[in-house]
C-alpha cells in the first residue's frame, strides 16, 4: 500500500477474503517479466505473508505436473489452506502450467476452506477469464467463478491524476522496486452460481469491487453491495465480515501513516489486529 499499488480499504478486503478461504488473483498485463508482473508478484507475496498469520500457506512449485498440487491438498488435512502460485496458466519456467494449474483450480472448486492466491498474466478481467478457460488451464466456468477476487494492475493515463503521497523518511527495509504509477485499476469478485426464487441455477457476471478514479487519484469502493453474499459464502454475519475488514484496514493505515514498512512491524501489528475484539 505504501508503494501506491492499492489503498487500505482494498488491502484490508483482500486480506480478509484470502484469510477466510476466498482466493485472490492479481493480474498484470505484461507477464511476470514486466513491471506490472513484478508488482503483481510483490502484492501476492505481501498478501500471502499476511495470511500466514492465521492460515496454512502452501507455495506451489512451478511446472506442469499436478502431483505437487494434489499432495499439498492431501497434506493440508481439514484446516483452512491457501495455495500460492506464480503466473497461473502461463508457459514460462516460473509458471504453474497446464496440469498443475488445472489441478489447483479444480481443488479450490471442490473443497471448502481452500483458496488460491496467484498472479495471472492478463490485462483485464476478460483476459483473466480467457486465460483460465484457455488451453493452459481449461477450467470450466463453474470452477472459475469460485476463485474469488481479481485485482487488475495497470498504468493510469500519464498525467491524469496526482501521484499518491510518499511514505517519506522511513527507516528500515527499502521500498519494493515497483513504479508508483502502477496500481490496481479495477477489482472484481467472481460470483459463484446462486439458486433463484424458482429453484433455477443463476450464473452471474463478476461484481465490480473497486475502481481507480484517475481524476481524483483515489479509489472508489463498491464491495458494500456484495458483503451479504460474501459473508454467506464464508459462513459469518455481514457485520462480522465488515468488522474484520475494518480492523485490517485500520491496521494497514496506521502502519503506513507512521512510516513502518517491512514484514516485522506488519506482523506484530497484524497479530493484534486479528485478535483484538471490536465493540
Protein backbone atom coordinates (compact mmCIF):
# COMPACT_ATOMS: atom_id res chain seq x y z
CA UNK A 1 0.00 0.00 0.00
CA UNK A 2 2.82 2.41 0.83
CA UNK A 3 4.06 1.99 -2.75
CA UNK A 4 0.69 3.07 -4.13
CA UNK A 5 -0.46 -0.26 -5.55
CA UNK A 6 -3.77 -0.10 -3.65
CA UNK A 7 -5.35 1.63 -0.67
CA UNK A 8 -6.03 0.36 2.83
CA UNK A 9 -9.69 -0.43 2.14
CA UNK A 10 -8.88 -2.74 -0.76
CA UNK A 11 -5.87 -4.23 1.02
CA UNK A 12 -7.98 -4.99 4.10
CA UNK A 13 -10.66 -6.62 1.96
CA UNK A 14 -8.14 -8.81 0.06
CA UNK A 15 -6.51 -9.85 3.35
CA UNK A 16 -9.86 -10.75 4.89
CA UNK A 17 -11.07 -12.67 1.85
CA UNK A 18 -7.95 -14.79 1.46
CA UNK A 19 -7.82 -15.49 5.18
CA UNK A 20 -11.45 -16.64 5.04
CA UNK A 21 -10.99 -19.18 2.27
CA UNK A 22 -11.81 -16.92 -0.69
CA UNK A 23 -8.99 -16.66 -3.22
CA UNK A 24 -7.38 -13.56 -4.75
CA UNK A 25 -5.88 -13.40 -8.24
CA UNK A 26 -3.63 -10.46 -9.17
CA UNK A 27 -3.46 -9.73 -12.89
CA UNK A 28 -0.68 -7.84 -14.65
CA UNK A 29 -0.83 -7.16 -18.40
CA UNK A 30 2.86 -7.69 -19.17
CA UNK A 31 3.50 -11.06 -17.51
CA UNK A 32 5.99 -11.90 -14.76
CA UNK A 33 8.95 -10.31 -16.58
CA UNK A 34 7.35 -6.85 -16.88
CA UNK A 35 6.88 -4.05 -14.38
CA UNK A 36 3.20 -4.84 -13.76
CA UNK A 37 4.06 -8.52 -13.43
CA UNK A 38 6.71 -7.70 -10.83
CA UNK A 39 4.19 -5.57 -8.96
CA UNK A 40 1.66 -8.41 -9.06
CA UNK A 41 4.27 -10.77 -7.60
CA UNK A 42 5.10 -8.29 -4.84
CA UNK A 43 1.43 -7.93 -3.95
CA UNK A 44 0.87 -11.70 -3.83
CA UNK A 45 3.97 -12.10 -1.64
CA UNK A 46 2.74 -9.45 0.80
CA UNK A 47 -0.75 -10.92 0.88
CA UNK A 48 0.45 -14.48 1.44
CA UNK A 49 2.66 -13.26 4.28
CA UNK A 50 -0.36 -11.63 5.95
CA UNK A 51 -2.50 -14.74 5.50
CA UNK A 52 0.17 -16.95 7.05
CA UNK A 53 -0.53 -15.43 10.47
CA UNK A 54 -3.73 -17.46 10.77
CA UNK A 55 -3.86 -19.87 7.85
CA UNK A 56 -1.56 -22.51 6.45
CA UNK A 57 0.10 -21.30 3.23
CA UNK A 58 1.37 -23.79 0.65
CA UNK A 59 3.58 -22.32 -2.10
CA UNK A 60 3.23 -24.40 -5.23
CA UNK A 61 6.37 -25.16 -7.22
CA UNK A 62 6.22 -24.10 -10.88
CA UNK A 63 5.74 -26.64 -13.61
CA UNK A 64 3.05 -28.64 -15.40
CA UNK A 65 2.81 -31.70 -13.13
CA UNK A 66 -0.37 -31.86 -11.00
CA UNK A 67 1.22 -34.15 -8.40
CA UNK A 68 2.57 -31.38 -6.08
CA UNK A 69 -0.85 -29.71 -6.04
CA UNK A 70 -2.63 -32.94 -5.15
CA UNK A 71 -0.04 -33.70 -2.47
CA UNK A 72 -0.41 -30.22 -0.95
CA UNK A 73 -4.17 -30.59 -0.76
CA UNK A 74 -3.96 -34.05 0.84
CA UNK A 75 -1.32 -32.94 3.34
CA UNK A 76 -3.39 -29.94 4.36
CA UNK A 77 -5.97 -32.06 6.14
CA UNK A 78 -9.25 -30.38 7.05
CA UNK A 79 -7.98 -26.96 8.13
CA UNK A 80 -8.09 -23.78 6.03
CA UNK A 81 -5.31 -23.64 3.43
CA UNK A 82 -4.16 -21.07 0.89
CA UNK A 83 -2.33 -22.23 -2.22
CA UNK A 84 0.10 -19.62 -3.59
CA UNK A 85 1.27 -19.75 -7.22
CA UNK A 86 3.03 -17.60 -9.80
CA UNK A 87 1.82 -16.96 -13.36
CA UNK A 88 -1.22 -19.22 -13.20
CA UNK A 89 -1.65 -20.95 -16.55
CA UNK A 90 1.46 -19.34 -18.05
CA UNK A 91 4.03 -21.08 -20.21
CA UNK A 92 7.36 -19.89 -18.76
CA UNK A 93 9.64 -21.79 -16.40
CA UNK A 94 8.30 -19.98 -13.33
CA UNK A 95 4.64 -20.60 -14.17
CA UNK A 96 2.16 -23.02 -12.72
CA UNK A 97 1.41 -24.68 -16.05
CA UNK A 98 -1.22 -26.90 -17.64
CA UNK A 99 -1.97 -29.94 -15.45
CA UNK A 100 -0.83 -28.23 -12.25
CA UNK A 101 -2.88 -25.09 -12.94
CA UNK A 102 -5.90 -27.21 -13.78
CA UNK A 103 -5.49 -29.24 -10.59
CA UNK A 104 -5.23 -26.09 -8.44
CA UNK A 105 -8.41 -24.56 -9.86
CA UNK A 106 -10.29 -27.85 -9.55
CA UNK A 107 -9.16 -28.35 -5.94
CA UNK A 108 -10.34 -24.88 -4.92
CA UNK A 109 -13.70 -25.51 -6.55
CA UNK A 110 -14.14 -28.90 -4.88
CA UNK A 111 -13.10 -28.09 -1.33
CA UNK A 112 -14.45 -25.53 1.14
CA UNK A 113 -11.73 -23.64 3.01
CA UNK A 114 -9.17 -23.98 0.22
CA UNK A 115 -8.21 -20.74 -1.53
CA UNK A 116 -5.83 -19.82 -4.34
CA UNK A 117 -3.70 -16.66 -4.33
CA UNK A 118 -1.81 -16.27 -7.60
CA UNK A 119 -0.63 -13.93 -10.34
CA UNK A 120 -2.13 -14.12 -13.82
CA UNK A 121 -0.70 -12.54 -16.98
CA UNK A 122 -3.74 -10.66 -18.29
CA UNK A 123 -4.69 -7.01 -18.94
CA UNK A 124 -8.22 -7.07 -17.51
CA UNK A 125 -10.96 -9.29 -16.08
CA UNK A 126 -11.86 -10.58 -19.55
CA UNK A 127 -8.23 -11.53 -20.13
CA UNK A 128 -8.13 -13.39 -16.81
CA UNK A 129 -11.25 -15.37 -17.73
CA UNK A 130 -9.85 -16.13 -21.19
CA UNK A 131 -6.59 -17.38 -19.65
CA UNK A 132 -8.43 -19.66 -17.24
CA UNK A 133 -10.72 -21.00 -19.97
CA UNK A 134 -7.87 -21.47 -22.44
CA UNK A 135 -5.74 -24.49 -23.21
CA UNK A 136 -3.19 -23.82 -20.46
CA UNK A 137 -5.81 -24.22 -17.69
CA UNK A 138 -9.00 -25.38 -19.47
CA UNK A 139 -11.19 -24.74 -16.43
CA UNK A 140 -14.98 -24.69 -16.84
CA UNK A 141 -16.86 -21.55 -15.84
CA UNK A 142 -18.48 -23.24 -12.84
CA UNK A 143 -14.99 -23.71 -11.34
CA UNK A 144 -13.61 -20.33 -12.38
CA UNK A 145 -16.38 -18.41 -10.62
CA UNK A 146 -15.34 -19.96 -7.29
CA UNK A 147 -11.83 -18.48 -7.36
CA UNK A 148 -12.75 -15.26 -5.53
CA UNK A 149 -11.46 -11.75 -6.19
CA UNK A 150 -9.44 -10.47 -9.14
CA UNK A 151 -7.22 -7.39 -8.73
CA UNK A 152 -6.15 -5.93 -12.07
CA UNK A 153 -2.96 -3.86 -12.16
CA UNK A 154 -2.30 -1.24 -14.78
CA UNK A 155 -0.92 2.21 -15.50
CA UNK A 156 -3.41 5.09 -15.45
CA UNK A 157 -3.01 7.54 -18.33
CA UNK A 158 0.10 9.69 -17.90
CA UNK A 159 -0.67 12.99 -16.18
CA UNK A 160 -4.29 12.03 -15.50
CA UNK A 161 -4.02 12.02 -11.71
CA UNK A 162 -1.68 13.19 -8.96
CA UNK A 163 0.83 10.80 -7.50
CA UNK A 164 -0.08 9.26 -4.17
CA UNK A 165 1.88 10.80 -1.30
CA UNK A 166 5.22 9.24 -0.47
CA UNK A 167 5.62 7.49 2.88
CA UNK A 168 8.69 9.71 3.40
CA UNK A 169 11.62 9.48 5.77
CA UNK A 170 11.17 5.80 6.53
CA UNK A 171 13.79 3.85 8.37
CA UNK A 172 14.12 0.15 7.76
CA UNK A 173 13.72 -2.00 4.64
CA UNK A 174 13.84 -0.28 1.25
CA UNK A 175 10.55 0.13 -0.63
CA UNK A 176 9.52 -2.51 -3.12
CA UNK A 177 11.06 -1.87 -6.56
CA UNK A 178 7.70 -1.01 -8.09
CA UNK A 179 6.96 2.17 -10.08
CA UNK A 180 4.43 4.24 -8.15
CA UNK A 181 2.18 4.73 -11.16
CA UNK A 182 1.42 1.03 -11.35
CA UNK A 183 -1.62 0.33 -9.22
CA UNK A 184 -4.83 -1.65 -9.02
CA UNK A 185 -7.05 -0.03 -11.64
CA UNK A 186 -10.01 -2.36 -11.09
CA UNK A 187 -11.02 -5.09 -8.65
CA UNK A 188 -13.73 -7.69 -9.24
CA UNK A 189 -15.40 -10.51 -7.35
CA UNK A 190 -16.19 -13.73 -9.22
CA UNK A 191 -19.64 -14.80 -8.10
CA UNK A 192 -20.48 -18.49 -7.70
CA UNK A 193 -23.82 -19.71 -9.07
CA UNK A 194 -26.86 -18.92 -6.94
CA UNK A 195 -30.24 -20.59 -6.64
CA UNK A 196 -33.02 -18.30 -7.90
CA UNK A 197 -36.52 -17.95 -6.44
CA UNK A 198 -37.86 -20.67 -8.78
CA UNK A 199 -35.08 -23.10 -7.86
CA UNK A 200 -33.10 -22.45 -11.02
CA UNK A 201 -29.33 -22.02 -11.00
CA UNK A 202 -28.41 -18.41 -11.78
CA UNK A 203 -24.97 -17.63 -13.23
CA UNK A 204 -23.94 -14.07 -12.52
CA UNK A 205 -21.38 -11.74 -14.04
CA UNK A 206 -18.39 -10.66 -11.89
CA UNK A 207 -19.19 -7.83 -9.46
CA UNK A 208 -17.07 -4.68 -9.50
CA UNK A 209 -15.45 -4.25 -6.08
CA UNK A 210 -13.36 -1.11 -6.70
CA UNK A 211 -12.09 1.10 -9.50
CA UNK A 212 -9.37 3.73 -9.63
CA UNK A 213 -10.57 7.26 -10.42
CA UNK A 214 -7.82 8.93 -12.41
CA UNK A 215 -9.26 12.44 -11.96
CA UNK A 216 -9.22 12.26 -8.16
CA UNK A 217 -6.20 9.99 -7.83
CA UNK A 218 -8.15 7.67 -5.50
CA UNK A 219 -10.20 4.50 -5.44
CA UNK A 220 -13.98 4.18 -5.45
CA UNK A 221 -15.26 1.19 -3.46
CA UNK A 222 -18.38 -0.87 -4.11
CA UNK A 223 -17.82 -4.02 -2.02
CA UNK A 224 -20.61 -2.95 0.33
CA UNK A 225 -23.07 -4.15 -2.30
CA UNK A 226 -21.95 -7.80 -2.05
CA UNK A 227 -21.00 -8.03 1.64
CA UNK A 228 -24.04 -10.21 2.49
CA UNK A 229 -23.15 -12.52 -0.42
CA UNK A 230 -19.52 -12.92 0.66
CA UNK A 231 -20.46 -13.28 4.33
CA UNK A 232 -22.87 -16.08 3.47
CA UNK A 233 -20.15 -17.80 1.45
CA UNK A 234 -17.66 -17.83 4.33
CA UNK A 235 -20.26 -18.58 6.99
CA UNK A 236 -20.24 -15.35 9.04
CA UNK A 237 -22.63 -12.48 9.65
CA UNK A 238 -22.35 -9.42 7.41
CA UNK A 239 -21.48 -7.23 10.38
CA UNK A 240 -18.66 -9.56 11.42
CA UNK A 241 -17.20 -9.52 7.91
CA UNK A 242 -17.34 -5.72 7.79
CA UNK A 243 -15.68 -5.52 11.22
CA UNK A 244 -12.88 -7.83 10.08
CA UNK A 245 -12.21 -5.68 7.01
CA UNK A 246 -12.31 -2.51 9.10
CA UNK A 247 -9.80 -3.68 11.70
CA UNK A 248 -7.37 -4.80 8.99
CA UNK A 249 -7.82 -1.55 7.08
CA UNK A 250 -7.12 0.47 10.20
CA UNK A 251 -4.01 -1.61 10.94
CA UNK A 252 -2.57 -1.07 7.47
CA UNK A 253 -3.45 2.63 7.53
CA UNK A 254 -1.71 3.10 10.88
CA UNK A 255 1.47 1.33 9.78
CA UNK A 256 1.77 3.40 6.62
CA UNK A 257 0.92 6.64 8.43
CA UNK A 258 3.76 6.01 10.89
CA UNK A 259 6.22 5.10 8.14
CA UNK A 260 6.53 1.48 9.27
CA UNK A 261 7.34 -0.84 6.39
CA UNK A 262 8.53 -4.39 6.02
CA UNK A 263 7.46 -7.70 7.50
CA UNK A 264 8.47 -7.29 11.15
CA UNK A 265 6.28 -4.30 12.19
CA UNK A 266 3.44 -5.53 9.99
CA UNK A 267 3.35 -8.99 11.52
CA UNK A 268 3.50 -7.59 15.06
CA UNK A 269 0.60 -5.20 14.44
CA UNK A 270 -1.35 -7.72 12.37
CA UNK A 271 -1.32 -10.24 15.20
CA UNK A 272 -3.03 -7.67 17.39
CA UNK A 273 -5.44 -6.69 14.64
CA UNK A 274 -6.58 -10.26 14.06
CA UNK A 275 -7.11 -10.97 17.74
CA UNK A 276 -8.39 -7.62 19.00
CA UNK A 277 -12.09 -7.66 19.96
CA UNK A 278 -14.22 -4.92 18.44
CA UNK A 279 -17.01 -3.03 20.15
